[in-house]
Amino acid sequence: MAMQADEIERLIKEGLPDAQVNIQDLRGDGDHYAAQVVSAQFAGKSRVQQHQLVYQALQGRMGNELHALQLQTNAPGDA
């Protein structure tokens, strides 16, 4: 079962309340997305740790309802 972009955004914002989230459906199939997430909670964390925070926010849906998510994460002010 595919996820809707607004559901992905909602979950990320629940887990990272300060996050700025931009979701794109890469194939139009509701199964392959790209997400840009900016959150102060990423400051001082490695890219892997940042991605883990996003996956935690998705509450186990990654690999189940959500097949593929291309992530770009940054703290505010990072390039």
Protein backbone atom coordinates (compact mmCIF):
# COMPACT_ATOMS: atom_id res chain seq x y z
CA MET A 1 0.00 0.00 0.00
CA ALA A 2 1.45 3.34 -1.08
CA MET A 3 1.73 6.41 1.14
CA GLN A 4 0.60 9.90 0.25
CA ALA A 5 3.10 12.78 0.33
CA ASP A 6 1.03 14.66 2.92
CA GLU A 7 1.13 11.64 5.26
CA ILE A 8 4.94 11.45 4.97
CA GLU A 9 5.19 15.17 5.70
CA ARG A 10 2.82 14.88 8.68
CA LEU A 11 4.82 12.04 10.24
CA ILE A 12 8.13 13.83 9.79
CA LYS A 13 6.74 17.03 11.32
CA GLU A 14 5.31 15.08 14.26
CA GLY A 15 8.72 13.53 14.93
CA LEU A 16 10.69 16.71 14.16
CA PRO A 17 8.29 19.56 15.04
CA ASP A 18 10.57 22.35 13.78
CA ALA A 19 11.21 20.64 10.44
CA GLN A 20 10.73 22.30 7.09
CA VAL A 21 9.72 19.47 4.76
CA ASN A 22 9.46 19.33 0.99
CA ILE A 23 8.22 16.06 -0.55
CA GLN A 24 8.29 15.11 -4.24
CA ASP A 25 6.69 12.02 -5.77
CA LEU A 26 9.46 10.91 -8.13
CA ARG A 27 7.42 8.51 -10.29
CA GLY A 28 3.84 9.52 -9.67
CA ASP A 29 3.18 6.10 -8.14
CA GLY A 30 3.00 7.09 -4.47
CA ASP A 31 5.84 4.70 -3.77
CA HIS A 32 9.06 6.56 -4.66
CA TYR A 33 9.64 9.92 -3.02
CA ALA A 34 12.36 12.48 -2.47
CA ALA A 35 12.30 14.52 0.74
CA GLN A 36 14.23 17.61 1.74
CA VAL A 37 14.15 18.05 5.50
CA VAL A 38 15.66 20.96 7.42
CA SER A 39 15.65 20.77 11.23
CA ALA A 40 17.67 22.29 14.04
CA GLN A 41 17.73 18.79 15.56
CA PHE A 42 20.22 17.82 12.83
CA ALA A 43 22.87 20.27 14.07
CA GLY A 44 26.08 18.50 15.03
CA LYS A 45 24.84 15.12 13.79
CA SER A 46 26.29 13.04 10.98
CA ARG A 47 24.27 12.52 7.81
CA VAL A 48 23.51 8.95 8.95
CA GLN A 49 22.23 10.19 12.31
CA GLN A 50 20.08 12.81 10.57
CA HIS A 51 18.55 10.15 8.32
CA GLN A 52 17.94 7.90 11.33
CA LEU A 53 15.91 10.69 12.96
CA VAL A 54 13.73 10.92 9.83
CA TYR A 55 13.29 7.13 9.69
CA GLN A 56 12.30 7.12 13.37
CA ALA A 57 9.70 9.80 12.62
CA LEU A 58 8.25 7.53 9.91
CA GLN A 59 7.41 4.98 12.63
CA GLY A 60 8.43 1.80 10.79
CA ARG A 61 6.72 2.64 7.52
CA MET A 62 10.01 2.83 5.60
CA GLY A 63 10.34 -0.41 3.63
CA ASN A 64 6.67 -1.24 4.19
CA GLU A 65 4.09 1.31 3.00
CA LEU A 66 6.94 3.53 1.83
CA HIS A 67 9.19 1.71 -0.61
CA ALA A 68 11.81 4.35 -1.47
CA LEU A 69 12.70 7.69 0.06
CA GLN A 70 15.60 9.75 -1.25
CA LEU A 71 16.60 12.00 1.66
CA GLN A 72 18.41 15.32 1.75
CA THR A 73 18.79 16.56 5.31
CA ASN A 74 20.33 19.72 6.69
CA ALA A 75 20.39 21.86 9.81
CA PRO A 76 19.25 25.46 9.24
CA GLY A 77 22.05 27.45 7.62
CA ASP A 78 23.90 24.37 6.30
CA ALA A 79 24.53 24.14 2.59
